[in-house]
């Protein structure tokens, strides 16, 4: 799946079992 926010130039994407990314940066949830 992919979600593209053109205004922020941010491309969020993921493949099942292979992690999630924003552009080329791997995403991790908050630890609050």
ModelCIF file with pLDDT and N, C-alpha, C, O atoms, coordinates in Angstrom:
data_MODEL
#
_entry.id   MODEL 
#
_entity.id                         1 
_entity.type                       polymer 
_entity.pdbx_number_of_molecules   1 
#
_entity_poly.entity_id                      1 
_entity_poly.type                           'polypeptide(L)' 
_entity_poly.nstd_linkage                   no 
_entity_poly.nstd_monomer                   no 
_entity_poly.pdbx_seq_one_letter_code       
;(UNK)(UNK)(UNK)(UNK)(UNK)(UNK)(UNK)(UNK)(UNK)(UNK)(UNK)(UNK)(UNK)(UNK)(UNK)(UNK)
(UNK)(UNK)(UNK)(UNK)(UNK)(UNK)(UNK)(UNK)(UNK)(UNK)(UNK)(UNK)(UNK)(UNK)(UNK)(UNK)
;
_entity_poly.pdbx_seq_one_letter_code_can   XXXXXXXXXXXXXXXXXXXXXXXXXXXXXXXX 
_entity_poly.pdbx_strand_id                 A 
#
loop_
_entity_poly_seq.entity_id 
_entity_poly_seq.num 
_entity_poly_seq.mon_id 
_entity_poly_seq.hetero 
1 1  UNK n 
1 2  UNK n 
1 3  UNK n 
1 4  UNK n 
1 5  UNK n 
1 6  UNK n 
1 7  UNK n 
1 8  UNK n 
1 9  UNK n 
1 10 UNK n 
1 11 UNK n 
1 12 UNK n 
1 13 UNK n 
1 14 UNK n 
1 15 UNK n 
1 16 UNK n 
1 17 UNK n 
1 18 UNK n 
1 19 UNK n 
1 20 UNK n 
1 21 UNK n 
1 22 UNK n 
1 23 UNK n 
1 24 UNK n 
1 25 UNK n 
1 26 UNK n 
1 27 UNK n 
1 28 UNK n 
1 29 UNK n 
1 30 UNK n 
1 31 UNK n 
1 32 UNK n 
#
_struct_asym.id          A 
_struct_asym.entity_id   1 
#
loop_
_ma_qa_metric.id 
_ma_qa_metric.mode 
_ma_qa_metric.name 
_ma_qa_metric.software_group_id 
_ma_qa_metric.type 
1 global pLDDT . pLDDT 
2 local  pLDDT . pLDDT 
#
_ma_qa_metric_global.metric_id      1 
_ma_qa_metric_global.metric_value   96.47 
_ma_qa_metric_global.model_id       1 
_ma_qa_metric_global.ordinal_id     1 
#
loop_
_ma_qa_metric_local.label_asym_id 
_ma_qa_metric_local.label_comp_id 
_ma_qa_metric_local.label_seq_id 
_ma_qa_metric_local.metric_id 
_ma_qa_metric_local.metric_value 
_ma_qa_metric_local.model_id 
_ma_qa_metric_local.ordinal_id 
A UNK 1  2 97.00 1 1  
A UNK 2  2 98.00 1 2  
A UNK 3  2 98.00 1 3  
A UNK 4  2 98.00 1 4  
A UNK 5  2 97.00 1 5  
A UNK 6  2 97.00 1 6  
A UNK 7  2 97.00 1 7  
A UNK 8  2 97.00 1 8  
A UNK 9  2 97.00 1 9  
A UNK 10 2 98.00 1 10 
A UNK 11 2 98.00 1 11 
A UNK 12 2 98.00 1 12 
A UNK 13 2 98.00 1 13 
A UNK 14 2 98.00 1 14 
A UNK 15 2 97.00 1 15 
A UNK 16 2 96.00 1 16 
A UNK 17 2 95.00 1 17 
A UNK 18 2 95.00 1 18 
A UNK 19 2 96.00 1 19 
A UNK 20 2 98.00 1 20 
A UNK 21 2 98.00 1 21 
A UNK 22 2 97.00 1 22 
A UNK 23 2 96.00 1 23 
A UNK 24 2 91.00 1 24 
A UNK 25 2 96.00 1 25 
A UNK 26 2 97.00 1 26 
A UNK 27 2 97.00 1 27 
A UNK 28 2 95.00 1 28 
A UNK 29 2 96.00 1 29 
A UNK 30 2 95.00 1 30 
A UNK 31 2 93.00 1 31 
A UNK 32 2 93.00 1 32 
#
loop_
_atom_site.group_PDB 
_atom_site.id 
_atom_site.type_symbol 
_atom_site.label_atom_id 
_atom_site.label_alt_id 
_atom_site.label_comp_id 
_atom_site.label_asym_id 
_atom_site.label_entity_id 
_atom_site.label_seq_id 
_atom_site.pdbx_PDB_ins_code 
_atom_site.Cartn_x 
_atom_site.Cartn_y 
_atom_site.Cartn_z 
_atom_site.occupancy 
_atom_site.B_iso_or_equiv 
_atom_site.pdbx_formal_charge 
_atom_site.auth_seq_id 
_atom_site.auth_comp_id 
_atom_site.auth_asym_id 
_atom_site.auth_atom_id 
_atom_site.pdbx_PDB_model_num 
ATOM 1   N N  . UNK A 1 1  ? 0.842  -1.204 0.000  1.00 97.00 ? 1  UNK A N  1 
ATOM 2   C CA . UNK A 1 1  ? 0.000  0.000  0.000  1.00 97.00 ? 1  UNK A CA 1 
ATOM 3   C C  . UNK A 1 1  ? 0.867  1.239  0.000  1.00 97.00 ? 1  UNK A C  1 
ATOM 4   O O  . UNK A 1 1  ? 2.015  1.226  0.444  1.00 97.00 ? 1  UNK A O  1 
ATOM 5   N N  . UNK A 1 2  ? 0.280  2.318  -0.515 1.00 98.00 ? 2  UNK A N  1 
ATOM 6   C CA . UNK A 1 2  ? 0.978  3.598  -0.592 1.00 98.00 ? 2  UNK A CA 1 
ATOM 7   C C  . UNK A 1 2  ? -0.020 4.722  -0.331 1.00 98.00 ? 2  UNK A C  1 
ATOM 8   O O  . UNK A 1 2  ? -1.163 4.679  -0.788 1.00 98.00 ? 2  UNK A O  1 
ATOM 9   N N  . UNK A 1 3  ? 0.434  5.722  0.408  1.00 98.00 ? 3  UNK A N  1 
ATOM 10  C CA . UNK A 1 3  ? -0.342 6.934  0.673  1.00 98.00 ? 3  UNK A CA 1 
ATOM 11  C C  . UNK A 1 3  ? 0.574  8.116  0.363  1.00 98.00 ? 3  UNK A C  1 
ATOM 12  O O  . UNK A 1 3  ? 1.618  8.280  0.994  1.00 98.00 ? 3  UNK A O  1 
ATOM 13  N N  . UNK A 1 4  ? 0.183  8.932  -0.604 1.00 98.00 ? 4  UNK A N  1 
ATOM 14  C CA . UNK A 1 4  ? 1.024  10.054 -1.030 1.00 98.00 ? 4  UNK A CA 1 
ATOM 15  C C  . UNK A 1 4  ? 0.361  11.370 -0.660 1.00 98.00 ? 4  UNK A C  1 
ATOM 16  O O  . UNK A 1 4  ? -0.782 11.637 -1.032 1.00 98.00 ? 4  UNK A O  1 
ATOM 17  N N  . UNK A 1 5  ? 1.101  12.183 0.080  1.00 97.00 ? 5  UNK A N  1 
ATOM 18  C CA . UNK A 1 5  ? 0.676  13.534 0.452  1.00 97.00 ? 5  UNK A CA 1 
ATOM 19  C C  . UNK A 1 5  ? 1.463  14.530 -0.391 1.00 97.00 ? 5  UNK A C  1 
ATOM 20  O O  . UNK A 1 5  ? 2.598  14.855 -0.040 1.00 97.00 ? 5  UNK A O  1 
ATOM 21  N N  . UNK A 1 6  ? 0.895  15.026 -1.496 1.00 97.00 ? 6  UNK A N  1 
ATOM 22  C CA . UNK A 1 6  ? 1.648  15.906 -2.390 1.00 97.00 ? 6  UNK A CA 1 
ATOM 23  C C  . UNK A 1 6  ? 2.067  17.223 -1.742 1.00 97.00 ? 6  UNK A C  1 
ATOM 24  O O  . UNK A 1 6  ? 3.147  17.735 -2.038 1.00 97.00 ? 6  UNK A O  1 
ATOM 25  N N  . UNK A 1 7  ? 1.237  17.777 -0.868 1.00 97.00 ? 7  UNK A N  1 
ATOM 26  C CA . UNK A 1 7  ? 1.570  19.062 -0.254 1.00 97.00 ? 7  UNK A CA 1 
ATOM 27  C C  . UNK A 1 7  ? 2.834  18.959 0.598  1.00 97.00 ? 7  UNK A C  1 
ATOM 28  O O  . UNK A 1 7  ? 3.646  19.884 0.621  1.00 97.00 ? 7  UNK A O  1 
ATOM 29  N N  . UNK A 1 8  ? 2.999  17.852 1.290  1.00 97.00 ? 8  UNK A N  1 
ATOM 30  C CA . UNK A 1 8  ? 4.180  17.662 2.143  1.00 97.00 ? 8  UNK A CA 1 
ATOM 31  C C  . UNK A 1 8  ? 5.302  16.926 1.432  1.00 97.00 ? 8  UNK A C  1 
ATOM 32  O O  . UNK A 1 8  ? 6.397  16.787 1.976  1.00 97.00 ? 8  UNK A O  1 
ATOM 33  N N  . UNK A 1 9  ? 5.039  16.453 0.217  1.00 97.00 ? 9  UNK A N  1 
ATOM 34  C CA . UNK A 1 9  ? 5.993  15.628 -0.522 1.00 97.00 ? 9  UNK A CA 1 
ATOM 35  C C  . UNK A 1 9  ? 6.420  14.416 0.309  1.00 97.00 ? 9  UNK A C  1 
ATOM 36  O O  . UNK A 1 9  ? 7.603  14.086 0.399  1.00 97.00 ? 9  UNK A O  1 
ATOM 37  N N  . UNK A 1 10 ? 5.419  13.761 0.915  1.00 98.00 ? 10 UNK A N  1 
ATOM 38  C CA . UNK A 1 10 ? 5.672  12.587 1.745  1.00 98.00 ? 10 UNK A CA 1 
ATOM 39  C C  . UNK A 1 10 ? 4.953  11.375 1.159  1.00 98.00 ? 10 UNK A C  1 
ATOM 40  O O  . UNK A 1 10 ? 3.738  11.391 0.962  1.00 98.00 ? 10 UNK A O  1 
ATOM 41  N N  . UNK A 1 11 ? 5.718  10.337 0.888  1.00 98.00 ? 11 UNK A N  1 
ATOM 42  C CA . UNK A 1 11 ? 5.205  9.097  0.323  1.00 98.00 ? 11 UNK A CA 1 
ATOM 43  C C  . UNK A 1 11 ? 5.344  7.996  1.376  1.00 98.00 ? 11 UNK A C  1 
ATOM 44  O O  . UNK A 1 11 ? 6.444  7.516  1.648  1.00 98.00 ? 11 UNK A O  1 
ATOM 45  N N  . UNK A 1 12 ? 4.207  7.605  1.963  1.00 98.00 ? 12 UNK A N  1 
ATOM 46  C CA . UNK A 1 12 ? 4.187  6.526  2.946  1.00 98.00 ? 12 UNK A CA 1 
ATOM 47  C C  . UNK A 1 12 ? 3.868  5.226  2.215  1.00 98.00 ? 12 UNK A C  1 
ATOM 48  O O  . UNK A 1 12 ? 2.951  5.187  1.395  1.00 98.00 ? 12 UNK A O  1 
ATOM 49  N N  . UNK A 1 13 ? 4.616  4.161  2.502  1.00 98.00 ? 13 UNK A N  1 
ATOM 50  C CA . UNK A 1 13 ? 4.353  2.911  1.800  1.00 98.00 ? 13 UNK A CA 1 
ATOM 51  C C  . UNK A 1 13 ? 4.843  1.730  2.634  1.00 98.00 ? 13 UNK A C  1 
ATOM 52  O O  . UNK A 1 13 ? 5.699  1.872  3.508  1.00 98.00 ? 13 UNK A O  1 
ATOM 53  N N  . UNK A 1 14 ? 4.277  0.565  2.338  1.00 98.00 ? 14 UNK A N  1 
ATOM 54  C CA . UNK A 1 14 ? 4.655  -0.649 3.056  1.00 98.00 ? 14 UNK A CA 1 
ATOM 55  C C  . UNK A 1 14 ? 4.350  -1.862 2.195  1.00 98.00 ? 14 UNK A C  1 
ATOM 56  O O  . UNK A 1 14 ? 3.420  -1.859 1.388  1.00 98.00 ? 14 UNK A O  1 
ATOM 57  N N  . UNK A 1 15 ? 5.155  -2.902 2.383  1.00 97.00 ? 15 UNK A N  1 
ATOM 58  C CA . UNK A 1 15 ? 4.870  -4.212 1.813  1.00 97.00 ? 15 UNK A CA 1 
ATOM 59  C C  . UNK A 1 15 ? 4.775  -5.204 2.960  1.00 97.00 ? 15 UNK A C  1 
ATOM 60  O O  . UNK A 1 15 ? 5.572  -5.165 3.897  1.00 97.00 ? 15 UNK A O  1 
ATOM 61  N N  . UNK A 1 16 ? 3.809  -6.078 2.878  1.00 96.00 ? 16 UNK A N  1 
ATOM 62  C CA . UNK A 1 16 ? 3.553  -7.026 3.957  1.00 96.00 ? 16 UNK A CA 1 
ATOM 63  C C  . UNK A 1 16 ? 4.813  -7.798 4.329  1.00 96.00 ? 16 UNK A C  1 
ATOM 64  O O  . UNK A 1 16 ? 5.424  -8.460 3.490  1.00 96.00 ? 16 UNK A O  1 
ATOM 65  N N  . UNK A 1 17 ? 5.192  -7.698 5.609  1.00 95.00 ? 17 UNK A N  1 
ATOM 66  C CA . UNK A 1 17 ? 6.344  -8.416 6.115  1.00 95.00 ? 17 UNK A CA 1 
ATOM 67  C C  . UNK A 1 17 ? 7.679  -7.773 5.865  1.00 95.00 ? 17 UNK A C  1 
ATOM 68  O O  . UNK A 1 17 ? 8.711  -8.332 6.238  1.00 95.00 ? 17 UNK A O  1 
ATOM 69  N N  . UNK A 1 18 ? 7.692  -6.577 5.225  1.00 95.00 ? 18 UNK A N  1 
ATOM 70  C CA . UNK A 1 18 ? 8.967  -5.969 4.842  1.00 95.00 ? 18 UNK A CA 1 
ATOM 71  C C  . UNK A 1 18 ? 9.147  -4.558 5.376  1.00 95.00 ? 18 UNK A C  1 
ATOM 72  O O  . UNK A 1 18 ? 10.054 -3.851 4.936  1.00 95.00 ? 18 UNK A O  1 
ATOM 73  N N  . UNK A 1 19 ? 8.305  -4.127 6.316  1.00 96.00 ? 19 UNK A N  1 
ATOM 74  C CA . UNK A 1 19 ? 8.483  -2.824 6.938  1.00 96.00 ? 19 UNK A CA 1 
ATOM 75  C C  . UNK A 1 19 ? 7.688  -1.719 6.266  1.00 96.00 ? 19 UNK A C  1 
ATOM 76  O O  . UNK A 1 19 ? 7.105  -1.901 5.197  1.00 96.00 ? 19 UNK A O  1 
ATOM 77  N N  . UNK A 1 20 ? 7.682  -0.558 6.933  1.00 98.00 ? 20 UNK A N  1 
ATOM 78  C CA . UNK A 1 20 ? 6.968  0.623  6.446  1.00 98.00 ? 20 UNK A CA 1 
ATOM 79  C C  . UNK A 1 20 ? 7.956  1.778  6.315  1.00 98.00 ? 20 UNK A C  1 
ATOM 80  O O  . UNK A 1 20 ? 8.927  1.878  7.064  1.00 98.00 ? 20 UNK A O  1 
ATOM 81  N N  . UNK A 1 21 ? 7.678  2.655  5.333  1.00 98.00 ? 21 UNK A N  1 
ATOM 82  C CA . UNK A 1 21 ? 8.639  3.709  5.014  1.00 98.00 ? 21 UNK A CA 1 
ATOM 83  C C  . UNK A 1 21 ? 7.907  5.008  4.687  1.00 98.00 ? 21 UNK A C  1 
ATOM 84  O O  . UNK A 1 21 ? 6.765  5.004  4.229  1.00 98.00 ? 21 UNK A O  1 
ATOM 85  N N  . UNK A 1 22 ? 8.604  6.120  4.936  1.00 97.00 ? 22 UNK A N  1 
ATOM 86  C CA . UNK A 1 22 ? 8.170  7.426  4.444  1.00 97.00 ? 22 UNK A CA 1 
ATOM 87  C C  . UNK A 1 22 ? 9.295  7.948  3.568  1.00 97.00 ? 22 UNK A C  1 
ATOM 88  O O  . UNK A 1 22 ? 10.380 8.262  4.056  1.00 97.00 ? 22 UNK A O  1 
ATOM 89  N N  . UNK A 1 23 ? 9.026  8.040  2.247  1.00 96.00 ? 23 UNK A N  1 
ATOM 90  C CA . UNK A 1 23 ? 10.073 8.262  1.266  1.00 96.00 ? 23 UNK A CA 1 
ATOM 91  C C  . UNK A 1 23 ? 11.103 7.135  1.445  1.00 96.00 ? 23 UNK A C  1 
ATOM 92  O O  . UNK A 1 23 ? 10.773 5.976  1.195  1.00 96.00 ? 23 UNK A O  1 
ATOM 93  N N  . UNK A 1 24 ? 12.321 7.434  1.863  1.00 91.00 ? 24 UNK A N  1 
ATOM 94  C CA . UNK A 1 24 ? 13.314 6.363  2.031  1.00 91.00 ? 24 UNK A CA 1 
ATOM 95  C C  . UNK A 1 24 ? 13.610 6.046  3.495  1.00 91.00 ? 24 UNK A C  1 
ATOM 96  O O  . UNK A 1 24 ? 14.511 5.261  3.786  1.00 91.00 ? 24 UNK A O  1 
ATOM 97  N N  . UNK A 1 25 ? 12.864 6.646  4.414  1.00 96.00 ? 25 UNK A N  1 
ATOM 98  C CA . UNK A 1 25 ? 13.110 6.476  5.844  1.00 96.00 ? 25 UNK A CA 1 
ATOM 99  C C  . UNK A 1 25 ? 12.184 5.411  6.423  1.00 96.00 ? 25 UNK A C  1 
ATOM 100 O O  . UNK A 1 25 ? 10.971 5.464  6.221  1.00 96.00 ? 25 UNK A O  1 
ATOM 101 N N  . UNK A 1 26 ? 12.755 4.441  7.145  1.00 97.00 ? 26 UNK A N  1 
ATOM 102 C CA . UNK A 1 26 ? 11.934 3.423  7.782  1.00 97.00 ? 26 UNK A CA 1 
ATOM 103 C C  . UNK A 1 26 ? 11.143 4.033  8.933  1.00 97.00 ? 26 UNK A C  1 
ATOM 104 O O  . UNK A 1 26 ? 11.660 4.862  9.682  1.00 97.00 ? 26 UNK A O  1 
ATOM 105 N N  . UNK A 1 27 ? 9.891  3.618  9.066  1.00 97.00 ? 27 UNK A N  1 
ATOM 106 C CA . UNK A 1 27 ? 8.998  4.187  10.073 1.00 97.00 ? 27 UNK A CA 1 
ATOM 107 C C  . UNK A 1 27 ? 8.942  3.313  11.317 1.00 97.00 ? 27 UNK A C  1 
ATOM 108 O O  . UNK A 1 27 ? 8.984  2.085  11.238 1.00 97.00 ? 27 UNK A O  1 
ATOM 109 N N  . UNK A 1 28 ? 8.847  3.973  12.468 1.00 95.00 ? 28 UNK A N  1 
ATOM 110 C CA . UNK A 1 28 ? 8.642  3.309  13.742 1.00 95.00 ? 28 UNK A CA 1 
ATOM 111 C C  . UNK A 1 28 ? 7.634  4.117  14.551 1.00 95.00 ? 28 UNK A C  1 
ATOM 112 O O  . UNK A 1 28 ? 7.630  5.348  14.517 1.00 95.00 ? 28 UNK A O  1 
ATOM 113 N N  . UNK A 1 29 ? 6.785  3.401  15.275 1.00 96.00 ? 29 UNK A N  1 
ATOM 114 C CA . UNK A 1 29 ? 5.754  4.065  16.060 1.00 96.00 ? 29 UNK A CA 1 
ATOM 115 C C  . UNK A 1 29 ? 6.359  4.767  17.278 1.00 96.00 ? 29 UNK A C  1 
ATOM 116 O O  . UNK A 1 29 ? 7.521  4.556  17.622 1.00 96.00 ? 29 UNK A O  1 
ATOM 117 N N  . UNK A 1 30 ? 5.552  5.597  17.913 1.00 95.00 ? 30 UNK A N  1 
ATOM 118 C CA . UNK A 1 30 ? 5.942  6.303  19.119 1.00 95.00 ? 30 UNK A CA 1 
ATOM 119 C C  . UNK A 1 30 ? 6.170  5.333  20.272 1.00 95.00 ? 30 UNK A C  1 
ATOM 120 O O  . UNK A 1 30 ? 5.595  4.245  20.300 1.00 95.00 ? 30 UNK A O  1 
ATOM 121 N N  . UNK A 1 31 ? 7.012  5.732  21.223 1.00 93.00 ? 31 UNK A N  1 
ATOM 122 C CA . UNK A 1 31 ? 7.207  4.918  22.426 1.00 93.00 ? 31 UNK A CA 1 
ATOM 123 C C  . UNK A 1 31 ? 6.802  5.670  23.691 1.00 93.00 ? 31 UNK A C  1 
ATOM 124 O O  . UNK A 1 31 ? 7.321  5.391  24.771 1.00 93.00 ? 31 UNK A O  1 
ATOM 125 N N  . UNK A 1 32 ? 5.879  6.620  23.564 1.00 93.00 ? 32 UNK A N  1 
ATOM 126 C CA . UNK A 1 32 ? 5.399  7.370  24.739 1.00 93.00 ? 32 UNK A CA 1 
ATOM 127 C C  . UNK A 1 32 ? 4.693  6.436  25.724 1.00 93.00 ? 32 UNK A C  1 
ATOM 128 O O  . UNK A 1 32 ? 4.223  6.884  26.770 1.00 93.00 ? 32 UNK A O  1 
#
